[in-house]
PDB file of all heavy atoms in Angstrom:
ATOM      1  N   ARG A   1      -3.106 -59.457-118.101  1.00  0.00           N
ATOM      2  CA  ARG A   1      -2.260 -58.563-118.873  1.00  0.00           C
ATOM      3  C   ARG A   1      -1.002 -59.302-119.308  1.00  0.00           C
ATOM      4  O   ARG A   1      -0.402 -60.029-118.534  1.00  0.00           O
ATOM      5  CB  ARG A   1      -1.891 -57.335-118.040  1.00  0.00           C
ATOM      6  CG  ARG A   1      -1.058 -56.310-118.783  1.00  0.00           C
ATOM      7  CD  ARG A   1      -0.795 -55.094-117.936  1.00  0.00           C
ATOM      8  NE  ARG A   1      -0.034 -54.079-118.639  1.00  0.00           N
ATOM      9  CZ  ARG A   1       0.319 -52.915-118.144  1.00  0.00           C
ATOM     10  NH1 ARG A   1      -0.028 -52.598-116.905  1.00  0.00           N
ATOM     11  NH2 ARG A   1       1.022 -52.062-118.877  1.00  0.00           N
ATOM     12  N   ILE A   2      -0.615 -59.090-120.549  1.00  0.00           N
ATOM     13  CA  ILE A   2       0.602 -59.663-121.090  1.00  0.00           C
ATOM     14  C   ILE A   2       1.663 -58.581-121.207  1.00  0.00           C
ATOM     15  O   ILE A   2       1.410 -57.515-121.765  1.00  0.00           O
ATOM     16  CB  ILE A   2       0.358 -60.317-122.463  1.00  0.00           C
ATOM     17  CG1 ILE A   2      -0.603 -61.498-122.324  1.00  0.00           C
ATOM     18  CG2 ILE A   2       1.672 -60.763-123.088  1.00  0.00           C
ATOM     19  CD1 ILE A   2      -0.989 -62.126-123.644  1.00  0.00           C
ATOM     20  N   TYR A   3       2.841 -58.857-120.677  1.00  0.00           N
ATOM     21  CA  TYR A   3       3.932 -57.895-120.723  1.00  0.00           C
ATOM     22  C   TYR A   3       4.886 -58.175-121.882  1.00  0.00           C
ATOM     23  O   TYR A   3       5.315 -57.245-122.567  1.00  0.00           O
ATOM     24  CB  TYR A   3       4.698 -57.898-119.402  1.00  0.00           C
ATOM     25  CG  TYR A   3       3.865 -57.464-118.224  1.00  0.00           C
ATOM     26  CD1 TYR A   3       3.222 -58.393-117.412  1.00  0.00           C
ATOM     27  CD2 TYR A   3       3.709 -56.113-117.933  1.00  0.00           C
ATOM     28  CE1 TYR A   3       2.449 -57.986-116.346  1.00  0.00           C
ATOM     29  CE2 TYR A   3       2.934 -55.699-116.860  1.00  0.00           C
ATOM     30  CZ  TYR A   3       2.308 -56.639-116.074  1.00  0.00           C
ATOM     31  OH  TYR A   3       1.543 -56.229-115.011  1.00  0.00           O
ATOM     32  N   THR A   4       5.221 -59.434-122.058  1.00  0.00           N
ATOM     33  CA  THR A   4       6.184 -59.807-123.081  1.00  0.00           C
ATOM     34  C   THR A   4       5.827 -61.165-123.674  1.00  0.00           C
ATOM     35  O   THR A   4       5.453 -62.081-122.943  1.00  0.00           O
ATOM     36  CB  THR A   4       7.610 -59.873-122.512  1.00  0.00           C
ATOM     37  OG1 THR A   4       7.949 -58.619-121.920  1.00  0.00           O
ATOM     38  CG2 THR A   4       8.617 -60.173-123.615  1.00  0.00           C
ATOM     39  N   MET A   5       5.967 -61.288-124.975  1.00  0.00           N
ATOM     40  CA  MET A   5       5.836 -62.566-125.653  1.00  0.00           C
ATOM     41  C   MET A   5       7.069 -62.746-126.528  1.00  0.00           C
ATOM     42  O   MET A   5       7.526 -61.789-127.156  1.00  0.00           O
ATOM     43  CB  MET A   5       4.574 -62.630-126.510  1.00  0.00           C
ATOM     44  CG  MET A   5       3.291 -62.369-125.746  1.00  0.00           C
ATOM     45  SD  MET A   5       1.802 -62.546-126.763  1.00  0.00           S
ATOM     46  CE  MET A   5       1.671 -64.342-126.824  1.00  0.00           C
ATOM     47  N   GLY A   6       7.592 -63.951-126.563  1.00  0.00           N
ATOM     48  CA  GLY A   6       8.799 -64.146-127.336  1.00  0.00           C
ATOM     49  C   GLY A   6       9.078 -65.588-127.684  1.00  0.00           C
ATOM     50  O   GLY A   6       8.359 -66.504-127.274  1.00  0.00           O
ATOM     51  N   TRP A   7      10.137 -65.759-128.457  1.00  0.00           N
ATOM     52  CA  TRP A   7      10.587 -67.068-128.897  1.00  0.00           C
ATOM     53  C   TRP A   7      12.038 -67.279-128.510  1.00  0.00           C
ATOM     54  O   TRP A   7      12.882 -66.400-128.709  1.00  0.00           O
ATOM     55  CB  TRP A   7      10.439 -67.215-130.417  1.00  0.00           C
ATOM     56  CG  TRP A   7       9.024 -67.287-130.870  1.00  0.00           C
ATOM     57  CD1 TRP A   7       8.227 -66.261-131.268  1.00  0.00           C
ATOM     58  CD2 TRP A   7       8.230 -68.480-130.973  1.00  0.00           C
ATOM     59  NE1 TRP A   7       6.982 -66.728-131.613  1.00  0.00           N
ATOM     60  CE2 TRP A   7       6.955 -68.078-131.443  1.00  0.00           C
ATOM     61  CE3 TRP A   7       8.466 -69.830-130.720  1.00  0.00           C
ATOM     62  CZ2 TRP A   7       5.923 -68.995-131.660  1.00  0.00           C
ATOM     63  CZ3 TRP A   7       7.449 -70.737-130.928  1.00  0.00           C
ATOM     64  CH2 TRP A   7       6.194 -70.311-131.398  1.00  0.00           C
ATOM     65  N   TYR A   8      12.316 -68.434-127.953  1.00  0.00           N
ATOM     66  CA  TYR A   8      13.660 -68.872-127.630  1.00  0.00           C
ATOM     67  C   TYR A   8      13.935 -70.173-128.358  1.00  0.00           C
ATOM     68  O   TYR A   8      13.010 -70.859-128.796  1.00  0.00           O
ATOM     69  CB  TYR A   8      13.822 -69.082-126.120  1.00  0.00           C
ATOM     70  CG  TYR A   8      13.844 -67.799-125.317  1.00  0.00           C
ATOM     71  CD1 TYR A   8      12.704 -67.025-125.167  1.00  0.00           C
ATOM     72  CD2 TYR A   8      15.015 -67.371-124.697  1.00  0.00           C
ATOM     73  CE1 TYR A   8      12.721 -65.852-124.435  1.00  0.00           C
ATOM     74  CE2 TYR A   8      15.045 -66.204-123.952  1.00  0.00           C
ATOM     75  CZ  TYR A   8      13.895 -65.452-123.822  1.00  0.00           C
ATOM     76  OH  TYR A   8      13.930 -64.296-123.084  1.00  0.00           O
ATOM     77  N   ARG A   9      15.197 -70.519-128.484  1.00  0.00           N
ATOM     78  CA  ARG A   9      15.535 -71.787-129.111  1.00  0.00           C
ATOM     79  C   ARG A   9      16.709 -72.433-128.397  1.00  0.00           C
ATOM     80  O   ARG A   9      17.523 -71.757-127.778  1.00  0.00           O
ATOM     81  CB  ARG A   9      15.857 -71.608-130.600  1.00  0.00           C
ATOM     82  CG  ARG A   9      17.142 -70.832-130.892  1.00  0.00           C
ATOM     83  CD  ARG A   9      17.284 -70.590-132.378  1.00  0.00           C
ATOM     84  NE  ARG A   9      18.501 -69.870-132.709  1.00  0.00           N
ATOM     85  CZ  ARG A   9      18.796 -69.401-133.914  1.00  0.00           C
ATOM     86  NH1 ARG A   9      17.952 -69.585-134.922  1.00  0.00           N
ATOM     87  NH2 ARG A   9      19.943 -68.759-134.131  1.00  0.00           N
ATOM     88  N   GLN A  10      16.771 -73.751-128.506  1.00  0.00           N
ATOM     89  CA  GLN A  10      17.850 -74.506-127.895  1.00  0.00           C
ATOM     90  C   GLN A  10      18.283 -75.620-128.837  1.00  0.00           C
ATOM     91  O   GLN A  10      17.488 -76.499-129.176  1.00  0.00           O
ATOM     92  CB  GLN A  10      17.431 -75.088-126.549  1.00  0.00           C
ATOM     93  CG  GLN A  10      18.562 -75.734-125.781  1.00  0.00           C
ATOM     94  CD  GLN A  10      18.194 -76.019-124.339  1.00  0.00           C
ATOM     95  OE1 GLN A  10      17.028 -76.110-123.991  1.00  0.00           O
ATOM     96  NE2 GLN A  10      19.201 -76.147-123.494  1.00  0.00           N
ATOM     97  N   ALA A  11      19.529 -75.550-129.265  1.00  0.00           N
ATOM     98  CA  ALA A  11      20.115 -76.578-130.105  1.00  0.00           C
ATOM     99  C   ALA A  11      20.838 -77.586-129.215  1.00  0.00           C
ATOM    100  O   ALA A  11      21.221 -77.266-128.087  1.00  0.00           O
ATOM    101  CB  ALA A  11      21.082 -75.958-131.108  1.00  0.00           C
ATOM    102  N   PRO A  12      21.041 -78.809-129.701  1.00  0.00           N
ATOM    103  CA  PRO A  12      21.738 -79.821-128.901  1.00  0.00           C
ATOM    104  C   PRO A  12      23.102 -79.332-128.426  1.00  0.00           C
ATOM    105  O   PRO A  12      23.894 -78.812-129.211  1.00  0.00           O
ATOM    106  CB  PRO A  12      21.879 -80.995-129.867  1.00  0.00           C
ATOM    107  CG  PRO A  12      20.735 -80.836-130.812  1.00  0.00           C
ATOM    108  CD  PRO A  12      20.593 -79.350-130.998  1.00  0.00           C
ATOM    109  N   GLY A  13      23.364 -79.484-127.132  1.00  0.00           N
ATOM    110  CA  GLY A  13      24.637 -79.092-126.565  1.00  0.00           C
ATOM    111  C   GLY A  13      24.810 -77.610-126.340  1.00  0.00           C
ATOM    112  O   GLY A  13      25.906 -77.178-125.950  1.00  0.00           O
ATOM    113  N   LYS A  14      23.771 -76.820-126.575  1.00  0.00           N
ATOM    114  CA  LYS A  14      23.864 -75.383-126.406  1.00  0.00           C
ATOM    115  C   LYS A  14      22.826 -74.885-125.409  1.00  0.00           C
ATOM    116  O   LYS A  14      21.843 -75.563-125.117  1.00  0.00           O
ATOM    117  CB  LYS A  14      23.679 -74.662-127.745  1.00  0.00           C
ATOM    118  CG  LYS A  14      24.775 -74.932-128.768  1.00  0.00           C
ATOM    119  CD  LYS A  14      24.568 -74.093-130.011  1.00  0.00           C
ATOM    120  CE  LYS A  14      25.684 -74.300-131.014  1.00  0.00           C
ATOM    121  NZ  LYS A  14      25.492 -73.461-132.233  1.00  0.00           N
ATOM    122  N   GLN A  15      23.069 -73.691-124.891  1.00  0.00           N
ATOM    123  CA  GLN A  15      22.123 -73.067-123.982  1.00  0.00           C
ATOM    124  C   GLN A  15      20.933 -72.512-124.748  1.00  0.00           C
ATOM    125  O   GLN A  15      21.029 -72.181-125.930  1.00  0.00           O
ATOM    126  CB  GLN A  15      22.797 -71.944-123.191  1.00  0.00           C
ATOM    127  CG  GLN A  15      23.858 -72.403-122.207  1.00  0.00           C
ATOM    128  CD  GLN A  15      24.415 -71.249-121.408  1.00  0.00           C
ATOM    129  OE1 GLN A  15      24.633 -70.159-121.932  1.00  0.00           O
ATOM    130  NE2 GLN A  15      24.645 -71.484-120.120  1.00  0.00           N
ATOM    131  N   ARG A  16      19.815 -72.407-124.046  1.00  0.00           N
ATOM    132  CA  ARG A  16      18.651 -71.778-124.639  1.00  0.00           C
ATOM    133  C   ARG A  16      18.933 -70.288-124.842  1.00  0.00           C
ATOM    134  O   ARG A  16      19.471 -69.617-123.955  1.00  0.00           O
ATOM    135  CB  ARG A  16      17.426 -71.977-123.746  1.00  0.00           C
ATOM    136  CG  ARG A  16      16.128 -71.511-124.365  1.00  0.00           C
ATOM    137  CD  ARG A  16      14.924 -71.900-123.502  1.00  0.00           C
ATOM    138  NE  ARG A  16      14.814 -73.344-123.357  1.00  0.00           N
ATOM    139  CZ  ARG A  16      13.812 -73.948-122.724  1.00  0.00           C
ATOM    140  NH1 ARG A  16      12.834 -73.234-122.190  1.00  0.00           N
ATOM    141  NH2 ARG A  16      13.794 -75.270-122.628  1.00  0.00           N
ATOM    142  N   GLU A  17      18.577 -69.770-126.003  1.00  0.00           N
ATOM    143  CA  GLU A  17      18.875 -68.391-126.327  1.00  0.00           C
ATOM    144  C   GLU A  17      17.653 -67.681-126.891  1.00  0.00           C
ATOM    145  O   GLU A  17      16.770 -68.297-127.487  1.00  0.00           O
ATOM    146  CB  GLU A  17      20.025 -68.307-127.340  1.00  0.00           C
ATOM    147  CG  GLU A  17      19.700 -68.923-128.690  1.00  0.00           C
ATOM    148  CD  GLU A  17      20.806 -68.768-129.712  1.00  0.00           C
ATOM    149  OE1 GLU A  17      21.847 -68.155-129.388  1.00  0.00           O
ATOM    150  OE2 GLU A  17      20.649 -69.259-130.844  1.00  0.00           O
ATOM    151  N   LEU A  18      17.639 -66.381-126.706  1.00  0.00           N
ATOM    152  CA  LEU A  18      16.566 -65.554-127.254  1.00  0.00           C
ATOM    153  C   LEU A  18      16.672 -65.488-128.767  1.00  0.00           C
ATOM    154  O   LEU A  18      17.748 -65.264-129.312  1.00  0.00           O
ATOM    155  CB  LEU A  18      16.644 -64.145-126.670  1.00  0.00           C
ATOM    156  CG  LEU A  18      15.718 -63.102-127.314  1.00  0.00           C
ATOM    157  CD1 LEU A  18      14.267 -63.362-126.922  1.00  0.00           C
ATOM    158  CD2 LEU A  18      16.139 -61.692-126.916  1.00  0.00           C
ATOM    159  N   VAL A  19      15.549 -65.674-129.439  1.00  0.00           N
ATOM    160  CA  VAL A  19      15.461 -65.441-130.872  1.00  0.00           C
ATOM    161  C   VAL A  19      14.849 -64.068-131.124  1.00  0.00           C
ATOM    162  O   VAL A  19      15.414 -63.240-131.825  1.00  0.00           O
ATOM    163  CB  VAL A  19      14.631 -66.524-131.581  1.00  0.00           C
ATOM    164  CG1 VAL A  19      14.556 -66.243-133.081  1.00  0.00           C
ATOM    165  CG2 VAL A  19      15.222 -67.902-131.323  1.00  0.00           C
ATOM    166  N   ALA A  20      13.681 -63.834-130.544  1.00  0.00           N
ATOM    167  CA  ALA A  20      13.005 -62.554-130.683  1.00  0.00           C
ATOM    168  C   ALA A  20      11.935 -62.431-129.620  1.00  0.00           C
ATOM    169  O   ALA A  20      11.377 -63.431-129.175  1.00  0.00           O
ATOM    170  CB  ALA A  20      12.371 -62.414-132.074  1.00  0.00           C
ATOM    171  N   ASP A  21      11.649 -61.216-129.201  1.00  0.00           N
ATOM    172  CA  ASP A  21      10.514 -60.992-128.329  1.00  0.00           C
ATOM    173  C   ASP A  21       9.876 -59.646-128.642  1.00  0.00           C
ATOM    174  O   ASP A  21      10.458 -58.806-129.332  1.00  0.00           O
ATOM    175  CB  ASP A  21      10.869 -61.127-126.837  1.00  0.00           C
ATOM    176  CG  ASP A  21      11.892 -60.115-126.338  1.00  0.00           C
ATOM    177  OD1 ASP A  21      12.131 -59.097-127.001  1.00  0.00           O
ATOM    178  OD2 ASP A  21      12.455 -60.356-125.240  1.00  0.00           O
ATOM    179  N   ILE A  22       8.676 -59.462-128.128  1.00  0.00           N
ATOM    180  CA  ILE A  22       7.919 -58.242-128.349  1.00  0.00           C
ATOM    181  C   ILE A  22       7.151 -57.932-127.073  1.00  0.00           C
ATOM    182  O   ILE A  22       6.563 -58.816-126.458  1.00  0.00           O
ATOM    183  CB  ILE A  22       6.976 -58.393-129.572  1.00  0.00           C
ATOM    184  CG1 ILE A  22       6.229 -57.091-129.849  1.00  0.00           C
ATOM    185  CG2 ILE A  22       6.007 -59.558-129.388  1.00  0.00           C
ATOM    186  CD1 ILE A  22       5.527 -57.095-131.204  1.00  0.00           C
ATOM    187  N   ASN A  23       7.177 -56.663-126.663  1.00  0.00           N
ATOM    188  CA  ASN A  23       6.503 -56.303-125.431  1.00  0.00           C
ATOM    189  C   ASN A  23       5.172 -55.619-125.711  1.00  0.00           C
ATOM    190  O   ASN A  23       4.766 -55.441-126.856  1.00  0.00           O
ATOM    191  CB  ASN A  23       7.408 -55.451-124.531  1.00  0.00           C
ATOM    192  CG  ASN A  23       7.728 -54.088-125.111  1.00  0.00           C
ATOM    193  OD1 ASN A  23       7.063 -53.591-126.008  1.00  0.00           O
ATOM    194  ND2 ASN A  23       8.773 -53.458-124.562  1.00  0.00           N
ATOM    195  N   SER A  24       4.501 -55.214-124.632  1.00  0.00           N
ATOM    196  CA  SER A  24       3.166 -54.632-124.761  1.00  0.00           C
ATOM    197  C   SER A  24       3.165 -53.314-125.513  1.00  0.00           C
ATOM    198  O   SER A  24       2.133 -52.921-126.048  1.00  0.00           O
ATOM    199  CB  SER A  24       2.546 -54.434-123.376  1.00  0.00           C
ATOM    200  OG  SER A  24       3.348 -53.581-122.571  1.00  0.00           O
ATOM    201  N   GLY A  25       4.308 -52.643-125.554  1.00  0.00           N
ATOM    202  CA  GLY A  25       4.425 -51.412-126.309  1.00  0.00           C
ATOM    203  C   GLY A  25       4.862 -51.626-127.743  1.00  0.00           C
ATOM    204  O   GLY A  25       5.156 -50.662-128.449  1.00  0.00           O
ATOM    205  N   ASP A  26       4.943 -52.880-128.155  1.00  0.00           N
ATOM    206  CA  ASP A  26       5.276 -53.301-129.519  1.00  0.00           C
ATOM    207  C   ASP A  26       6.750 -53.124-129.870  1.00  0.00           C
ATOM    208  O   ASP A  26       7.121 -53.238-131.039  1.00  0.00           O
ATOM    209  CB  ASP A  26       4.425 -52.575-130.558  1.00  0.00           C
ATOM    210  CG  ASP A  26       2.960 -52.934-130.472  1.00  0.00           C
ATOM    211  OD1 ASP A  26       2.656 -54.091-130.090  1.00  0.00           O
ATOM    212  OD2 ASP A  26       2.112 -52.081-130.776  1.00  0.00           O
ATOM    213  N   SER A  27       7.587 -52.857-128.897  1.00  0.00           N
ATOM    214  CA  SER A  27       9.012 -52.837-129.167  1.00  0.00           C
ATOM    215  C   SER A  27       9.522 -54.266-129.288  1.00  0.00           C
ATOM    216  O   SER A  27       9.036 -55.172-128.608  1.00  0.00           O
ATOM    217  CB  SER A  27       9.779 -52.085-128.084  1.00  0.00           C
ATOM    218  OG  SER A  27       9.677 -52.745-126.832  1.00  0.00           O
ATOM    219  N   THR A  28      10.503 -54.474-130.145  1.00  0.00           N
ATOM    220  CA  THR A  28      10.989 -55.813-130.440  1.00  0.00           C
ATOM    221  C   THR A  28      12.482 -55.931-130.202  1.00  0.00           C
ATOM    222  O   THR A  28      13.221 -54.946-130.240  1.00  0.00           O
ATOM    223  CB  THR A  28      10.689 -56.198-131.896  1.00  0.00           C
ATOM    224  OG1 THR A  28      11.295 -55.239-132.776  1.00  0.00           O
ATOM    225  CG2 THR A  28       9.191 -56.228-132.151  1.00  0.00           C
ATOM    226  N   ASN A  29      12.911 -57.159-129.953  1.00  0.00           N
ATOM    227  CA  ASN A  29      14.316 -57.496-129.836  1.00  0.00           C
ATOM    228  C   ASN A  29      14.592 -58.735-130.672  1.00  0.00           C
ATOM    229  O   ASN A  29      13.789 -59.667-130.677  1.00  0.00           O
ATOM    230  CB  ASN A  29      14.705 -57.769-128.377  1.00  0.00           C
ATOM    231  CG  ASN A  29      14.578 -56.556-127.498  1.00  0.00           C
ATOM    232  OD1 ASN A  29      15.262 -55.562-127.705  1.00  0.00           O
ATOM    233  ND2 ASN A  29      13.692 -56.633-126.513  1.00  0.00           N
ATOM    234  N   TYR A  30      15.722 -58.740-131.361  1.00  0.00           N
ATOM    235  CA  TYR A  30      16.115 -59.869-132.181  1.00  0.00           C
ATOM    236  C   TYR A  30      17.548 -60.254-131.884  1.00  0.00           C
ATOM    237  O   TYR A  30      18.403 -59.394-131.647  1.00  0.00           O
ATOM    238  CB  TYR A  30      16.003 -59.554-133.668  1.00  0.00           C
ATOM    239  CG  TYR A  30      14.601 -59.309-134.164  1.00  0.00           C
ATOM    240  CD1 TYR A  30      14.086 -58.028-134.245  1.00  0.00           C
ATOM    241  CD2 TYR A  30      13.804 -60.373-134.571  1.00  0.00           C
ATOM    242  CE1 TYR A  30      12.796 -57.808-134.707  1.00  0.00           C
ATOM    243  CE2 TYR A  30      12.515 -60.160-135.035  1.00  0.00           C
ATOM    244  CZ  TYR A  30      12.017 -58.876-135.100  1.00  0.00           C
ATOM    245  OH  TYR A  30      10.740 -58.662-135.563  1.00  0.00           O
ATOM    246  N   ALA A  31      17.811 -61.546-131.909  1.00  0.00           N
ATOM    247  CA  ALA A  31      19.186 -62.004-131.860  1.00  0.00           C
ATOM    248  C   ALA A  31      19.909 -61.552-133.122  1.00  0.00           C
ATOM    249  O   ALA A  31      19.317 -61.495-134.203  1.00  0.00           O
ATOM    250  CB  ALA A  31      19.242 -63.528-131.741  1.00  0.00           C
ATOM    251  N   ASP A  32      21.186 -61.225-132.976  1.00  0.00           N
ATOM    252  CA  ASP A  32      21.952 -60.769-134.132  1.00  0.00           C
ATOM    253  C   ASP A  32      21.931 -61.787-135.270  1.00  0.00           C
ATOM    254  O   ASP A  32      21.938 -61.423-136.445  1.00  0.00           O
ATOM    255  CB  ASP A  32      23.398 -60.475-133.730  1.00  0.00           C
ATOM    256  CG  ASP A  32      23.522 -59.229-132.880  1.00  0.00           C
ATOM    257  OD1 ASP A  32      22.607 -58.383-132.909  1.00  0.00           O
ATOM    258  OD2 ASP A  32      24.548 -59.089-132.187  1.00  0.00           O
ATOM    259  N   SER A  33      21.901 -63.060-134.916  1.00  0.00           N
ATOM    260  CA  SER A  33      21.968 -64.110-135.915  1.00  0.00           C
ATOM    261  C   SER A  33      20.724 -64.210-136.788  1.00  0.00           C
ATOM    262  O   SER A  33      20.767 -64.844-137.845  1.00  0.00           O
ATOM    263  CB  SER A  33      22.230 -65.460-135.237  1.00  0.00           C
ATOM    264  OG  SER A  33      21.194 -65.777-134.325  1.00  0.00           O
ATOM    265  N   VAL A  34      19.611 -63.595-136.367  1.00  0.00           N
ATOM    266  CA  VAL A  34      18.377 -63.709-137.137  1.00  0.00           C
ATOM    267  C   VAL A  34      17.875 -62.370-137.651  1.00  0.00           C
ATOM    268  O   VAL A  34      16.870 -62.330-138.372  1.00  0.00           O
ATOM    269  CB  VAL A  34      17.254 -64.385-136.321  1.00  0.00           C
ATOM    270  CG1 VAL A  34      17.700 -65.747-135.822  1.00  0.00           C
ATOM    271  CG2 VAL A  34      16.808 -63.495-135.170  1.00  0.00           C
ATOM    272  N   LYS A  35      18.540 -61.286-137.308  1.00  0.00           N
ATOM    273  CA  LYS A  35      18.110 -59.974-137.777  1.00  0.00           C
ATOM    274  C   LYS A  35      18.087 -59.927-139.302  1.00  0.00           C
ATOM    275  O   LYS A  35      19.021 -60.359-139.962  1.00  0.00           O
ATOM    276  CB  LYS A  35      19.039 -58.883-137.242  1.00  0.00           C
ATOM    277  CG  LYS A  35      18.838 -58.570-135.773  1.00  0.00           C
ATOM    278  CD  LYS A  35      19.755 -57.446-135.318  1.00  0.00           C
ATOM    279  CE  LYS A  35      19.523 -57.112-133.858  1.00  0.00           C
ATOM    280  NZ  LYS A  35      20.447 -56.060-133.381  1.00  0.00           N
ATOM    281  N   GLY A  36      16.995 -59.407-139.830  1.00  0.00           N
ATOM    282  CA  GLY A  36      16.829 -59.347-141.271  1.00  0.00           C
ATOM    283  C   GLY A  36      16.195 -60.579-141.863  1.00  0.00           C
ATOM    284  O   GLY A  36      15.779 -60.554-143.029  1.00  0.00           O
ATOM    285  N   ARG A  37      16.113 -61.658-141.095  1.00  0.00           N
ATOM    286  CA  ARG A  37      15.542 -62.905-141.587  1.00  0.00           C
ATOM    287  C   ARG A  37      14.270 -63.291-140.850  1.00  0.00           C
ATOM    288  O   ARG A  37      13.486 -64.089-141.368  1.00  0.00           O
ATOM    289  CB  ARG A  37      16.546 -64.054-141.480  1.00  0.00           C
ATOM    290  CG  ARG A  37      17.828 -63.834-142.266  1.00  0.00           C
ATOM    291  CD  ARG A  37      18.692 -65.092-142.299  1.00  0.00           C
ATOM    292  NE  ARG A  37      19.158 -65.470-140.968  1.00  0.00           N
ATOM    293  CZ  ARG A  37      18.865 -66.619-140.368  1.00  0.00           C
ATOM    294  NH1 ARG A  37      18.106 -67.510-140.994  1.00  0.00           N
ATOM    295  NH2 ARG A  37      19.343 -66.889-139.164  1.00  0.00           N
TER     296      ARG A  37
END
């Protein structure tokens, strides 16, 4: 069973951060910096 699938990113000198994820109920989360894109 899969609960959550998502994408994170890490730029040089920065912490790894959430870009977007989606759970088994199809709800999604997006970083503010990528919403709409």
